[in-house]
Amino acid sequence: MSYTRERLGEILVAAGLLTTEELGSALLAQEHYNGKIGELLVHEGLLDEEQIAQALAEQKGLEHVNLATYPVDRIAAAVLPLRICRRHAMIPIAQEGDTLKVAMADPLDIEAIDDAQLMSGFRIVPVVAAATQVRMAIEKYVAGADVFQELELSERASESEASETTEEPEEDSGVAVVRVVNQIIREAVLERASDIHFEPDSDGVRVRYRIDGVLREAAGLPKTSQAELLSRVKVMADLDITERRRPQDGRISVRVADRPLDLRVATLPTPLGEAITLRILDAEVAFRPVEEIGLTADDLELVMRLLRKPYGALFVAGPTGSGKSTTLYALLSAINDPGRKVITVEDPIEYTMSGITQVAVNPRVNLTFAAGLRTILRSDPDVVMVGEVRDPETAETAVRAALTGHLVLTSIHTNDAPSALTRLTDMGVPSYITASGLLGAVAQRLLRRLCPACKTPAEIDPAVLEASGFDNNELAGLTLYGPVGCEQCGMTGYHGRIGVFEVMEFTHELHSLFLRDASAAELREAAIGHGMKTLRRDALDKAALGLTSLDEVNRVVV
C-alpha cells in the first residue's frame, strides 16, 4: 500500500463515483457535520458503504473483504483490545506468522495502523471492508473474542501445576464463564436466534443457535469448562445446580440492546453431561397483529368470523416450533376488549398481555391444565385460552367449556387441521361432544422468508414444478425465486419466517361425516371440497409471490 497524501474524496472522484462539484458540496457540508467525509456521503445518499470500500481497495491496491462471509479467526480477533477496535473501526480477521490481517473501514488512517502495530507487536496488513460490517463484526467477534480468550487462558491456569494457589485461577475461571455465557446470549439475540443449545460431547461443549428454524454452529468450548458453564446457566435460571439426573425447567430475564427478554431454560441429562436449551422469548416478535402472521385475505376473513362466535372451540394445530403460540396471542389480541373477560392457562406464560388474566401451570401444587381450566370456568370468563391440549381430561374439559357458552382457543399437536378432530377422538373425547363444540381448526407451519435484498429468479424444470403441485395453467408466467446470500441475511439467502396456514371450518357436512367415524383423509377431502386451502397449496402460493423458495416449501410441507 502506498501511503500518499491522497484523500478519500479525491479517490472517489478518480474512481468516477463522485463529480468534482459533488465533492465540493460535500466538503462544504462537512463543516457542519460531525463525522468523516465518507460517513457524510453515505448519510446524504450519494454513495453506499460498499462502493466506498471497493473504490478504496482498487485505488490503493488492497484486498476487499465481505465480513458477512469471511471466516474471522476468533484467536486473531483477540489480539487487539476492544477499545482500540472500536476507536479506529478496525478488526483483526487473520494471523499468519508475524503478520496480522486487519479489516478497516478507513485504510488511509495511518494513526490507526500505527496504534494497532504498537499494541499487537505484529506487522499490520490492512484490508478494506464496509463500515457497518466492521462495526457489526467488532461486536460479534472482538467482544466475543475477549471472553473466549479469557476462558481459554483461565482454563490453562487452572490446569497449571505451577500455580501458586488454586483460589485465584478458580476465581478467574468463574468470571470468564460468566462473561462467556453473557456473550453467547447477546450474540444469539443479535443473530435473531430463537433458541440456544449447549450440547456436551466427548471433547467439549458445542454451542448452536437456531435461526429461522435451522440450527447453526456458533462456538466450541473446552471440556474443562463444561461443569462451570452449565452451572452458571442453572444459577441464572434459579435451578438446583446439584441435581444432574432429572430434567429441570426455569426462566431467565435479561436485557440485550435495551430490549427486555425472557429466556426459557430446559435441562436434559445425557451420558456426557447435562444438555441445556434456552428458548429466547421476544415480545417484539411474538406480538403480531393477526393481519401480519401470514393468513391470506380469505382465510383471515374466515378466522375472524369464527372468533366473532359467542361460543365454541377453535384449535391451532401443528408440530413443536410451528408458531402456534404466536398465532394464539395474535388471536387473543384481536378479540381482547374491555367488554370481554379473557383468561388463559399456560405452561409457562411466555408473554404477558395487558387486559388479560393469565394463569401458569404448576404441577407442584397440582395446578395442571385440566385443574386450572376447571377453576377458570368458575371465574366468569367470556374467552378461555388453553396453551396446549396434552391429555384426555384437558381435551374434554376444553370442548365442554365451549358447550357452556365460552369461546375457547387452544393448540394441539397434529400435522393438519382435519387430524385435530381424530386426535380428540383418540384422546377419548366423545364424538358427539367434539361435534357440538368445535368451530374449526387452523393448522400451520413456518417457512423461511427469502431475503428481499438478494433473492433471484430461479430456473426450475416445468416437470419439477408440476410434480411439486403447480398445475399447467399456473406455469405460464410463473416466476419463482431462490436464495443467493448477502450480508443482510448472513449469506443464507433467507431472513425471517412467514406462516403458511390451513383453515378448516367445521361445517354441517363435516359434522355428519365425523359422527359417522370418518377418517382424517375423508374429512380432509370434504373440507377441500368446501374451499379449504391446504398447507401445501398456501405454501406454493407464497412461493409464487416470491416470499419463499420451492426448496423451502419442499423442506417443510408435505
Protein backbone atom coordinates (compact mmCIF):
# COMPACT_ATOMS: atom_id res chain seq x y z
CA MET A 1 0.00 0.00 0.00
CA SER A 2 1.30 3.46 -0.87
CA TYR A 3 0.83 5.93 1.96
CA THR A 4 0.25 9.09 -0.12
CA ARG A 5 -1.48 12.26 0.97
CA GLU A 6 -4.33 11.45 -1.37
CA ARG A 7 -7.65 11.85 0.41
CA LEU A 8 -10.82 9.80 0.25
CA GLY A 9 -12.73 12.42 -1.73
CA GLU A 10 -10.04 12.57 -4.39
CA ILE A 11 -10.01 8.75 -4.63
CA LEU A 12 -13.79 8.65 -5.13
CA VAL A 13 -13.60 11.32 -7.84
CA ALA A 14 -10.77 9.42 -9.57
CA ALA A 15 -12.90 6.27 -9.43
CA GLY A 16 -15.76 8.10 -11.14
CA LEU A 17 -18.12 7.73 -8.20
CA LEU A 18 -18.31 11.46 -7.48
CA THR A 19 -18.08 14.60 -9.56
CA THR A 20 -15.83 17.45 -8.52
CA GLU A 21 -18.93 19.56 -7.85
CA GLU A 22 -20.49 16.88 -5.61
CA LEU A 23 -17.25 16.55 -3.67
CA GLY A 24 -17.04 20.32 -3.24
CA SER A 25 -20.61 20.48 -1.92
CA ALA A 26 -19.92 17.58 0.44
CA LEU A 27 -16.76 19.27 1.79
CA LEU A 28 -18.75 22.45 2.49
CA ALA A 29 -21.45 20.42 4.25
CA GLN A 30 -18.79 18.63 6.30
CA GLU A 31 -18.05 21.89 8.13
CA HIS A 32 -21.41 21.47 9.86
CA TYR A 33 -21.32 17.66 10.05
CA ASN A 34 -19.74 15.87 12.96
CA GLY A 35 -18.11 13.00 11.09
CA LYS A 36 -15.82 11.91 8.29
CA ILE A 37 -16.45 12.68 4.62
CA GLY A 38 -17.27 9.04 3.85
CA GLU A 39 -19.96 8.96 6.57
CA LEU A 40 -21.42 12.20 5.19
CA LEU A 41 -21.58 10.83 1.62
CA VAL A 42 -23.44 7.73 2.85
CA HIS A 43 -25.73 9.84 5.05
CA GLU A 44 -26.63 12.07 2.10
CA GLY A 45 -27.32 9.05 -0.13
CA LEU A 46 -24.64 9.92 -2.69
CA LEU A 47 -22.81 6.62 -2.20
CA ASP A 48 -23.17 3.45 -0.19
CA GLU A 49 -20.55 1.92 2.09
CA GLU A 50 -19.78 -0.95 -0.28
CA GLN A 51 -18.98 1.44 -3.14
CA ILE A 52 -16.59 3.38 -0.92
CA ALA A 53 -14.89 0.23 0.31
CA GLN A 54 -14.42 -1.20 -3.18
CA ALA A 55 -13.09 2.12 -4.54
CA LEU A 56 -10.56 2.38 -1.70
CA ALA A 57 -9.41 -1.19 -2.26
CA GLU A 58 -8.96 -0.74 -6.01
CA GLN A 59 -7.23 2.64 -5.82
CA LYS A 60 -4.81 1.62 -3.05
CA GLY A 61 -4.18 -1.94 -4.23
CA LEU A 62 -5.71 -3.53 -1.13
CA GLU A 63 -7.81 -6.64 -0.62
CA HIS A 64 -11.55 -6.07 -0.22
CA VAL A 65 -13.39 -8.48 2.13
CA ASN A 66 -17.01 -9.16 2.87
CA LEU A 67 -17.14 -9.70 6.63
CA ALA A 68 -20.59 -11.29 6.37
CA THR A 69 -18.94 -14.34 4.78
CA TYR A 70 -15.28 -14.07 5.77
CA PRO A 71 -14.22 -16.78 8.28
CA VAL A 72 -12.97 -14.47 11.03
CA ASP A 73 -10.36 -16.14 13.26
CA ARG A 74 -11.53 -15.68 16.87
CA ILE A 75 -7.97 -16.06 18.18
CA ALA A 76 -6.77 -13.33 15.82
CA ALA A 77 -9.72 -11.17 16.87
CA ALA A 78 -8.43 -11.32 20.45
CA VAL A 79 -5.08 -9.73 19.58
CA LEU A 80 -6.29 -6.10 19.68
CA PRO A 81 -8.18 -4.66 22.68
CA LEU A 82 -11.85 -3.92 22.17
CA ARG A 83 -11.35 -0.20 22.86
CA ILE A 84 -8.78 0.08 20.05
CA CYS A 85 -11.03 -1.74 17.59
CA ARG A 86 -14.00 0.48 18.40
CA ARG A 87 -11.97 3.70 18.36
CA HIS A 88 -10.48 3.09 14.92
CA ALA A 89 -13.24 0.92 13.36
CA MET A 90 -10.89 -1.99 12.73
CA ILE A 91 -10.98 -5.72 13.42
CA PRO A 92 -8.25 -8.38 13.19
CA ILE A 93 -9.50 -11.20 10.99
CA ALA A 94 -6.49 -13.48 10.39
CA GLN A 95 -2.99 -14.11 11.71
CA GLU A 96 -0.02 -15.70 9.93
CA GLY A 97 3.43 -15.66 11.48
CA ASP A 98 4.26 -12.10 12.49
CA THR A 99 1.55 -10.67 10.22
CA LEU A 100 -1.92 -9.61 11.36
CA LYS A 101 -4.59 -9.00 8.73
CA VAL A 102 -6.87 -6.19 9.91
CA ALA A 103 -10.14 -5.19 8.23
CA MET A 104 -10.67 -1.42 8.28
CA ALA A 105 -13.35 0.96 7.11
CA ASP A 106 -10.64 3.61 6.53
CA PRO A 107 -7.30 2.11 5.49
CA LEU A 108 -5.96 5.64 4.97
CA ASP A 109 -5.90 6.14 8.74
CA ILE A 110 -2.16 5.76 9.32
CA GLU A 111 -2.54 6.61 13.02
CA ALA A 112 -4.90 3.64 13.47
CA ILE A 113 -2.46 1.28 11.75
CA ASP A 114 0.40 2.55 13.94
CA ASP A 115 -1.69 2.05 17.09
CA ALA A 116 -2.58 -1.50 16.04
CA GLN A 117 1.05 -2.32 15.31
CA LEU A 118 2.22 -0.87 18.63
CA MET A 119 -0.49 -2.64 20.68
CA SER A 120 -0.13 -6.03 18.98
CA GLY A 121 3.56 -6.27 18.09
CA PHE A 122 2.53 -7.66 14.69
CA ARG A 123 3.10 -6.26 11.22
CA ILE A 124 -0.31 -4.93 10.18
CA VAL A 125 -1.72 -5.73 6.74
CA PRO A 126 -4.86 -3.63 6.22
CA VAL A 127 -7.78 -4.86 4.12
CA VAL A 128 -10.92 -2.91 3.32
CA ALA A 129 -14.49 -3.65 4.48
CA ALA A 130 -17.73 -1.68 4.65
CA ALA A 131 -18.03 0.44 7.80
CA THR A 132 -21.26 -1.17 9.02
CA GLN A 133 -19.79 -4.64 8.51
CA VAL A 134 -16.74 -3.67 10.56
CA ARG A 135 -18.85 -2.32 13.43
CA MET A 136 -21.05 -5.43 13.48
CA ALA A 137 -18.02 -7.73 13.34
CA ILE A 138 -16.40 -5.88 16.25
CA GLU A 139 -19.43 -6.50 18.44
CA LYS A 140 -19.79 -10.09 17.29
CA TYR A 141 -16.19 -11.27 17.14
CA VAL A 142 -13.98 -8.90 19.09
CA ALA A 143 -16.23 -8.56 22.12
CA GLY A 144 -16.77 -12.31 21.92
CA ALA A 145 -13.06 -12.99 21.37
CA ASP A 146 -12.25 -11.19 24.61
CA VAL A 147 -14.38 -13.55 26.67
CA PHE A 148 -13.46 -16.71 24.78
CA GLN A 149 -9.76 -15.97 25.10
CA GLU A 150 -10.20 -15.23 28.79
CA LEU A 151 -11.92 -18.58 29.27
CA GLU A 152 -9.12 -20.38 27.42
CA LEU A 153 -6.41 -18.64 29.46
CA SER A 154 -8.18 -19.27 32.77
CA GLU A 155 -8.62 -22.96 31.87
CA ARG A 156 -4.88 -23.22 31.22
CA ALA A 157 -4.21 -21.51 34.52
CA SER A 158 -6.49 -23.88 36.42
CA GLU A 159 -4.67 -26.87 34.93
CA SER A 160 -1.17 -25.50 35.54
CA GLU A 161 0.75 -27.28 38.27
CA ALA A 162 2.93 -24.22 38.65
CA SER A 163 0.11 -22.10 40.05
CA GLU A 164 0.89 -20.73 43.48
CA THR A 165 -2.68 -21.16 44.71
CA THR A 166 -5.87 -22.64 43.39
CA GLU A 167 -8.15 -19.86 44.58
CA GLU A 168 -7.16 -17.22 42.04
CA PRO A 169 -7.47 -19.38 38.87
CA GLU A 170 -10.89 -20.60 40.07
CA GLU A 171 -11.99 -17.03 40.53
CA ASP A 172 -10.64 -16.04 37.09
CA SER A 173 -12.36 -19.01 35.50
CA GLY A 174 -15.65 -18.14 37.18
CA VAL A 175 -15.51 -14.57 35.91
CA ALA A 176 -14.60 -15.79 32.43
CA VAL A 177 -17.52 -18.25 32.36
CA VAL A 178 -19.95 -15.51 33.38
CA ARG A 179 -18.70 -13.34 30.52
CA VAL A 180 -18.84 -16.21 28.05
CA VAL A 181 -22.46 -17.02 28.88
CA ASN A 182 -23.42 -13.35 28.66
CA GLN A 183 -21.67 -13.02 25.30
CA ILE A 184 -23.33 -16.16 23.89
CA ILE A 185 -26.77 -14.87 24.88
CA ARG A 186 -26.03 -11.42 23.48
CA GLU A 187 -24.69 -12.80 20.21
CA ALA A 188 -27.68 -15.12 19.82
CA VAL A 189 -30.13 -12.24 20.23
CA LEU A 190 -28.24 -10.08 17.72
CA GLU A 191 -28.28 -13.02 15.27
CA ARG A 192 -32.10 -13.29 15.65
CA ALA A 193 -31.84 -16.78 17.14
CA SER A 194 -34.93 -18.38 18.67
CA ASP A 195 -33.00 -20.98 20.69
CA ILE A 196 -29.53 -21.54 22.14
CA HIS A 197 -28.28 -25.13 22.55
CA PHE A 198 -25.47 -26.10 24.93
CA GLU A 199 -24.61 -29.69 23.96
CA PRO A 200 -21.84 -31.62 25.76
CA ASP A 201 -19.82 -34.05 23.67
CA SER A 202 -16.69 -36.11 24.29
CA ASP A 203 -14.17 -33.30 23.88
CA GLY A 204 -16.04 -30.09 24.68
CA VAL A 205 -19.33 -28.22 24.70
CA ARG A 206 -20.94 -27.42 21.37
CA VAL A 207 -22.99 -24.20 21.18
CA ARG A 208 -25.57 -23.87 18.42
CA TYR A 209 -28.18 -21.23 17.57
CA ARG A 210 -31.50 -21.91 15.85
CA ILE A 211 -32.02 -19.09 13.37
CA ASP A 212 -35.12 -19.02 11.17
CA GLY A 213 -35.82 -22.60 12.19
CA VAL A 214 -32.40 -24.00 11.19
CA LEU A 215 -29.54 -24.83 13.58
CA ARG A 216 -26.16 -23.15 13.02
CA GLU A 217 -22.85 -23.84 14.75
CA ALA A 218 -21.86 -20.91 16.98
CA ALA A 219 -18.89 -21.97 19.12
CA GLY A 220 -16.99 -24.84 20.67
CA LEU A 221 -15.98 -24.53 24.32
CA PRO A 222 -13.35 -26.58 26.20
CA LYS A 223 -14.49 -29.69 28.07
CA THR A 224 -12.92 -28.42 31.30
CA SER A 225 -15.36 -25.51 31.31
CA GLN A 226 -18.46 -27.72 30.99
CA ALA A 227 -19.46 -28.08 34.65
CA GLU A 228 -18.96 -24.42 35.48
CA LEU A 229 -20.58 -23.22 32.26
CA LEU A 230 -23.75 -25.27 32.74
CA SER A 231 -23.88 -24.42 36.45
CA ARG A 232 -23.78 -20.73 35.55
CA VAL A 233 -26.83 -21.09 33.30
CA LYS A 234 -28.67 -23.04 36.02
CA VAL A 235 -27.86 -20.38 38.61
CA MET A 236 -29.23 -17.68 36.28
CA ALA A 237 -32.42 -19.74 35.86
CA ASP A 238 -32.72 -20.39 39.64
CA LEU A 239 -32.38 -24.16 39.16
CA ASP A 240 -30.85 -26.72 41.50
CA ILE A 241 -27.18 -26.97 40.46
CA THR A 242 -26.70 -30.16 42.50
CA GLU A 243 -29.42 -32.03 40.60
CA ARG A 244 -27.98 -33.52 37.41
CA ARG A 245 -30.15 -36.62 36.99
CA ARG A 246 -33.57 -35.03 36.49
CA PRO A 247 -34.70 -32.59 33.80
CA GLN A 248 -35.40 -29.11 35.13
CA ASP A 249 -37.19 -26.04 33.76
CA GLY A 250 -36.55 -22.42 34.61
CA ARG A 251 -36.61 -18.87 33.33
CA ILE A 252 -34.08 -16.06 32.95
CA SER A 253 -34.83 -12.35 32.49
CA VAL A 254 -32.15 -10.42 30.61
CA ARG A 255 -31.74 -7.13 28.79
CA VAL A 256 -29.94 -7.08 25.44
CA ALA A 257 -29.52 -3.96 23.30
CA ASP A 258 -32.02 -2.12 25.54
CA ARG A 259 -34.65 -4.81 24.96
CA PRO A 260 -36.06 -6.83 27.88
CA LEU A 261 -36.11 -10.53 27.03
CA ASP A 262 -37.11 -13.75 28.77
CA LEU A 263 -35.21 -17.00 28.29
CA ARG A 264 -37.00 -20.28 28.94
CA VAL A 265 -34.47 -22.84 30.17
CA ALA A 266 -34.73 -26.64 29.91
CA THR A 267 -32.07 -29.11 31.09
CA LEU A 268 -31.74 -32.68 29.86
CA PRO A 269 -29.44 -35.31 31.45
CA THR A 270 -27.18 -37.16 28.98
CA PRO A 271 -24.29 -39.63 29.47
CA LEU A 272 -21.82 -36.84 28.64
CA GLY A 273 -23.40 -34.29 30.97
CA GLU A 274 -26.45 -32.05 31.01
CA ALA A 275 -27.62 -30.51 27.76
CA ILE A 276 -29.31 -27.14 28.17
CA THR A 277 -31.64 -25.36 25.75
CA LEU A 278 -32.57 -21.69 26.08
CA ARG A 279 -35.69 -20.53 24.22
CA ILE A 280 -35.49 -16.77 23.56
CA LEU A 281 -38.88 -15.15 24.13
CA ASP A 282 -39.03 -11.77 22.42
CA ALA A 283 -42.29 -9.87 22.82
CA GLU A 284 -41.48 -7.74 19.75
CA VAL A 285 -41.52 -10.91 17.64
CA ALA A 286 -44.44 -12.64 19.39
CA PHE A 287 -46.99 -9.85 19.45
CA ARG A 288 -48.05 -9.51 15.85
CA PRO A 289 -51.45 -8.38 14.65
CA VAL A 290 -53.46 -11.25 13.23
CA GLU A 291 -53.31 -9.46 9.86
CA GLU A 292 -49.50 -9.89 9.78
CA ILE A 293 -48.97 -13.56 10.64
CA GLY A 294 -49.38 -14.75 7.04
CA LEU A 295 -53.09 -15.56 6.62
CA THR A 296 -54.50 -14.89 3.16
CA ALA A 297 -57.40 -12.45 2.91
CA ASP A 298 -59.96 -15.27 2.60
CA ASP A 299 -58.51 -17.28 5.49
CA LEU A 300 -58.27 -14.17 7.66
CA GLU A 301 -61.92 -13.35 6.98
CA LEU A 302 -62.91 -16.92 7.95
CA VAL A 303 -60.85 -16.89 11.16
CA MET A 304 -62.28 -13.53 12.22
CA ARG A 305 -65.80 -14.80 11.53
CA LEU A 306 -65.16 -17.79 13.77
CA LEU A 307 -63.73 -15.53 16.50
CA ARG A 308 -66.93 -13.47 16.47
CA LYS A 309 -68.93 -16.55 17.51
CA PRO A 310 -70.17 -16.27 21.12
CA TYR A 311 -69.02 -19.77 22.00
CA GLY A 312 -67.20 -22.77 20.54
CA ALA A 313 -63.66 -24.14 20.36
CA LEU A 314 -61.01 -23.17 17.82
CA PHE A 315 -57.90 -25.36 17.69
CA VAL A 316 -54.49 -24.25 16.36
CA ALA A 317 -52.63 -27.35 15.14
CA GLY A 318 -49.04 -28.07 14.23
CA PRO A 319 -45.80 -29.61 15.47
CA THR A 320 -43.48 -28.02 18.03
CA GLY A 321 -41.91 -24.82 16.72
CA SER A 322 -44.53 -24.17 14.05
CA GLY A 323 -45.63 -20.82 15.51
CA LYS A 324 -48.80 -21.90 17.33
CA SER A 325 -48.16 -19.67 20.36
CA THR A 326 -47.65 -16.60 18.15
CA THR A 327 -50.93 -17.33 16.39
CA LEU A 328 -52.80 -17.82 19.69
CA TYR A 329 -51.51 -14.49 21.01
CA ALA A 330 -52.48 -12.79 17.75
CA LEU A 331 -56.00 -14.23 18.01
CA LEU A 332 -56.26 -13.10 21.64
CA SER A 333 -55.14 -9.59 20.69
CA ALA A 334 -57.81 -9.46 18.00
CA ILE A 335 -60.64 -10.18 20.45
CA ASN A 336 -59.26 -8.52 23.60
CA ASP A 337 -61.54 -5.64 24.52
CA PRO A 338 -62.92 -4.16 27.78
CA GLY A 339 -66.28 -5.83 27.23
CA ARG A 340 -64.86 -9.36 27.44
CA LYS A 341 -63.12 -11.20 30.25
CA VAL A 342 -60.25 -13.25 28.84
CA ILE A 343 -58.41 -15.83 30.99
CA THR A 344 -55.56 -18.07 29.90
CA VAL A 345 -53.87 -21.13 31.41
CA GLU A 346 -50.35 -21.64 30.04
CA ASP A 347 -47.21 -23.68 30.65
CA PRO A 348 -45.34 -21.44 31.01
CA ILE A 349 -46.67 -17.91 30.48
CA GLU A 350 -44.47 -16.92 27.56
CA TYR A 351 -45.60 -13.29 27.23
CA THR A 352 -47.73 -11.10 29.46
CA MET A 353 -50.66 -9.28 27.86
CA SER A 354 -52.45 -6.31 29.34
CA GLY A 355 -56.18 -6.68 29.93
CA ILE A 356 -55.93 -10.48 30.16
CA THR A 357 -55.78 -12.71 33.25
CA GLN A 358 -53.02 -15.27 32.77
CA VAL A 359 -52.52 -18.38 34.92
CA ALA A 360 -49.36 -20.52 34.89
CA VAL A 361 -49.50 -24.30 35.24
CA ASN A 362 -47.77 -25.51 38.41
CA PRO A 363 -47.70 -29.30 38.83
CA ARG A 364 -46.06 -28.95 42.26
CA VAL A 365 -49.34 -27.67 43.69
CA ASN A 366 -51.48 -29.83 41.37
CA LEU A 367 -52.35 -26.86 39.13
CA THR A 368 -52.49 -28.74 35.83
CA PHE A 369 -54.12 -27.62 32.60
CA ALA A 370 -57.29 -29.52 33.48
CA ALA A 371 -57.40 -28.25 37.09
CA GLY A 372 -56.66 -24.69 36.01
CA LEU A 373 -59.31 -24.84 33.33
CA ARG A 374 -61.96 -26.08 35.77
CA THR A 375 -61.14 -23.20 38.12
CA ILE A 376 -61.18 -20.67 35.29
CA LEU A 377 -64.69 -21.73 34.31
CA ARG A 378 -65.87 -20.71 37.79
CA SER A 379 -64.36 -17.23 37.30
CA ASP A 380 -66.96 -15.95 34.80
CA PRO A 381 -64.78 -15.77 31.65
CA ASP A 382 -66.02 -14.96 28.17
CA VAL A 383 -62.91 -16.24 26.39
CA VAL A 384 -60.59 -19.01 27.57
CA MET A 385 -57.20 -19.79 26.10
CA VAL A 386 -55.60 -23.15 26.98
CA GLY A 387 -51.95 -23.18 26.00
CA GLU A 388 -51.98 -26.81 24.89
CA VAL A 389 -54.24 -29.85 24.97
CA ARG A 390 -51.96 -32.62 26.25
CA ASP A 391 -54.21 -35.15 27.95
CA PRO A 392 -57.76 -36.52 27.67
CA GLU A 393 -59.03 -34.64 30.72
CA THR A 394 -57.88 -31.25 29.40
CA ALA A 395 -59.24 -32.04 25.93
CA GLU A 396 -62.71 -32.96 27.15
CA THR A 397 -62.86 -30.08 29.64
CA ALA A 398 -61.88 -27.59 26.91
CA VAL A 399 -64.52 -28.85 24.47
CA ARG A 400 -67.19 -29.00 27.19
CA ALA A 401 -66.33 -25.39 28.10
CA ALA A 402 -67.17 -24.47 24.51
CA LEU A 403 -70.62 -26.03 25.03
CA THR A 404 -71.34 -23.91 28.11
CA GLY A 405 -71.12 -20.50 26.47
CA HIS A 406 -67.36 -19.88 26.27
CA LEU A 407 -65.12 -19.15 23.32
CA VAL A 408 -62.14 -21.50 23.74
CA LEU A 409 -58.81 -21.11 21.95
CA THR A 410 -56.20 -23.82 22.29
CA SER A 411 -53.42 -25.69 20.49
CA ILE A 412 -52.93 -29.35 19.67
CA HIS A 413 -50.11 -31.36 18.11
CA THR A 414 -51.36 -32.70 14.78
CA ASN A 415 -50.00 -32.49 11.24
CA ASP A 416 -53.04 -30.87 9.64
CA ALA A 417 -56.40 -29.35 10.52
CA PRO A 418 -58.69 -32.40 9.94
CA SER A 419 -56.41 -34.56 12.11
CA ALA A 420 -57.30 -32.36 15.10
CA LEU A 421 -60.74 -33.99 15.06
CA THR A 422 -59.48 -37.56 15.01
CA ARG A 423 -56.83 -36.70 17.59
CA LEU A 424 -59.54 -35.61 20.04
CA THR A 425 -61.30 -38.93 19.45
CA ASP A 426 -58.05 -40.80 20.08
CA MET A 427 -57.73 -38.91 23.37
CA GLY A 428 -61.10 -40.22 24.46
CA VAL A 429 -63.34 -37.19 23.88
CA PRO A 430 -66.77 -38.50 22.79
CA SER A 431 -67.52 -37.66 19.15
CA TYR A 432 -70.88 -36.07 19.97
CA ILE A 433 -69.17 -33.61 22.36
CA THR A 434 -66.50 -32.65 19.83
CA ALA A 435 -69.08 -32.29 17.07
CA SER A 436 -71.24 -30.00 19.22
CA GLY A 437 -68.44 -27.78 20.50
CA LEU A 438 -65.93 -27.38 17.66
CA LEU A 439 -65.86 -24.27 15.46
CA GLY A 440 -62.84 -25.20 13.38
CA ALA A 441 -59.12 -25.83 13.29
CA VAL A 442 -56.14 -23.88 11.95
CA ALA A 443 -53.03 -25.87 11.01
CA GLN A 444 -49.77 -24.06 10.33
CA ARG A 445 -46.06 -24.24 9.54
CA LEU A 446 -43.27 -21.66 9.35
CA LEU A 447 -41.24 -21.20 6.17
CA ARG A 448 -38.06 -19.18 5.88
CA ARG A 449 -38.70 -15.94 4.03
CA LEU A 450 -36.42 -15.14 1.09
CA CYS A 451 -34.09 -12.22 1.73
CA PRO A 452 -35.59 -9.33 -0.31
CA ALA A 453 -32.13 -7.84 -0.84
CA CYS A 454 -30.60 -10.78 -2.70
CA LYS A 455 -33.30 -13.19 -3.91
CA THR A 456 -33.07 -14.02 -7.60
CA PRO A 457 -35.34 -15.68 -10.18
CA ALA A 458 -34.79 -19.44 -10.26
CA GLU A 459 -34.90 -21.64 -13.34
CA ILE A 460 -36.87 -24.79 -12.48
CA ASP A 461 -37.82 -27.62 -14.82
CA PRO A 462 -41.58 -27.48 -15.62
CA ALA A 463 -41.82 -31.17 -14.77
CA VAL A 464 -40.47 -30.42 -11.28
CA LEU A 465 -42.97 -27.58 -10.89
CA GLU A 466 -45.86 -29.83 -11.90
CA ALA A 467 -44.68 -32.58 -9.56
CA SER A 468 -44.50 -30.02 -6.75
CA GLY A 469 -48.18 -29.15 -7.09
CA PHE A 470 -48.45 -26.38 -9.69
CA ASP A 471 -50.93 -27.15 -12.46
CA ASN A 472 -50.39 -26.46 -16.15
CA ASN A 473 -52.49 -23.29 -16.09
CA GLU A 474 -50.17 -21.76 -13.49
CA LEU A 475 -46.90 -22.47 -15.30
CA ALA A 476 -47.39 -19.73 -17.89
CA GLY A 477 -45.91 -16.56 -16.47
CA LEU A 478 -44.90 -18.23 -13.21
CA THR A 479 -41.67 -16.86 -11.72
CA LEU A 480 -40.20 -18.49 -8.65
CA TYR A 481 -37.24 -17.13 -6.70
CA GLY A 482 -34.31 -18.75 -4.95
CA PRO A 483 -31.82 -17.75 -2.24
CA VAL A 484 -28.46 -16.15 -3.02
CA GLY A 485 -26.96 -14.79 0.21
CA CYS A 486 -25.75 -11.35 1.20
CA GLU A 487 -24.55 -9.51 4.29
CA GLN A 488 -28.11 -8.64 5.31
CA CYS A 489 -29.11 -12.31 5.65
CA GLY A 490 -25.77 -13.69 6.84
CA MET A 491 -25.22 -15.30 3.41
CA THR A 492 -28.11 -17.73 3.93
CA GLY A 493 -30.47 -16.21 1.38
CA TYR A 494 -33.26 -16.10 3.98
CA HIS A 495 -34.25 -13.51 6.54
CA GLY A 496 -37.16 -14.12 8.91
CA ARG A 497 -40.06 -16.52 8.55
CA ILE A 498 -43.62 -16.48 7.30
CA GLY A 499 -46.57 -18.65 8.28
CA VAL A 500 -48.48 -20.94 5.94
CA PHE A 501 -51.94 -21.98 7.04
CA GLU A 502 -54.78 -24.45 6.55
CA VAL A 503 -58.06 -23.10 7.95
CA MET A 504 -60.90 -25.61 8.29
CA GLU A 505 -64.40 -24.57 9.35
CA PHE A 506 -66.40 -27.34 10.98
CA THR A 507 -69.36 -27.34 8.59
CA HIS A 508 -72.57 -29.39 8.77
CA GLU A 509 -71.19 -31.87 6.24
CA LEU A 510 -68.02 -32.38 8.29
CA HIS A 511 -70.23 -32.70 11.38
CA SER A 512 -72.14 -35.56 9.78
CA LEU A 513 -69.01 -37.28 8.48
CA PHE A 514 -67.30 -37.04 11.83
CA LEU A 515 -70.25 -38.57 13.69
CA ARG A 516 -70.09 -41.48 11.22
CA ASP A 517 -66.44 -42.05 12.32
CA ALA A 518 -64.96 -40.81 9.04
CA SER A 519 -61.17 -40.94 8.76
CA ALA A 520 -58.93 -37.86 8.69
CA ALA A 521 -58.43 -38.40 4.93
CA GLU A 522 -62.20 -38.37 4.31
CA LEU A 523 -62.63 -35.26 6.45
CA ARG A 524 -59.79 -33.64 4.55
CA GLU A 525 -61.34 -34.31 1.14
CA ALA A 526 -64.67 -32.92 2.31
CA ALA A 527 -63.01 -29.79 3.73
CA ILE A 528 -61.14 -29.20 0.46
CA GLY A 529 -64.44 -29.60 -1.35
CA HIS A 530 -65.81 -26.79 0.80
CA GLY A 531 -62.94 -24.49 -0.18
CA MET A 532 -60.25 -25.24 2.39
CA LYS A 533 -56.80 -24.28 1.10
CA THR A 534 -54.27 -26.89 2.18
CA LEU A 535 -50.92 -26.14 3.78
CA ARG A 536 -49.18 -27.23 0.59
CA ARG A 537 -51.33 -25.02 -1.59
CA ASP A 538 -50.82 -22.00 0.65
CA ALA A 539 -47.06 -22.61 0.66
CA LEU A 540 -46.97 -22.85 -3.15
CA ASP A 541 -48.95 -19.62 -3.44
CA LYS A 542 -46.44 -17.85 -1.21
CA ALA A 543 -43.59 -19.24 -3.31
CA ALA A 544 -45.34 -17.89 -6.43
CA LEU A 545 -45.47 -14.47 -4.76
CA GLY A 546 -41.70 -14.58 -4.25
CA LEU A 547 -41.94 -14.79 -0.47
CA THR A 548 -40.16 -18.14 -0.16
CA SER A 549 -38.43 -20.72 -2.34
CA LEU A 550 -39.69 -24.02 -3.71
CA ASP A 551 -36.86 -25.81 -1.86
CA GLU A 552 -38.12 -24.36 1.41
CA VAL A 553 -41.68 -25.43 0.61
CA ASN A 554 -40.50 -28.99 -0.05
CA ARG A 555 -38.38 -28.98 3.11
CA VAL A 556 -41.21 -28.05 5.46
CA VAL A 557 -44.56 -29.00 3.91
CA VAL A 558 -45.59 -32.45 2.71
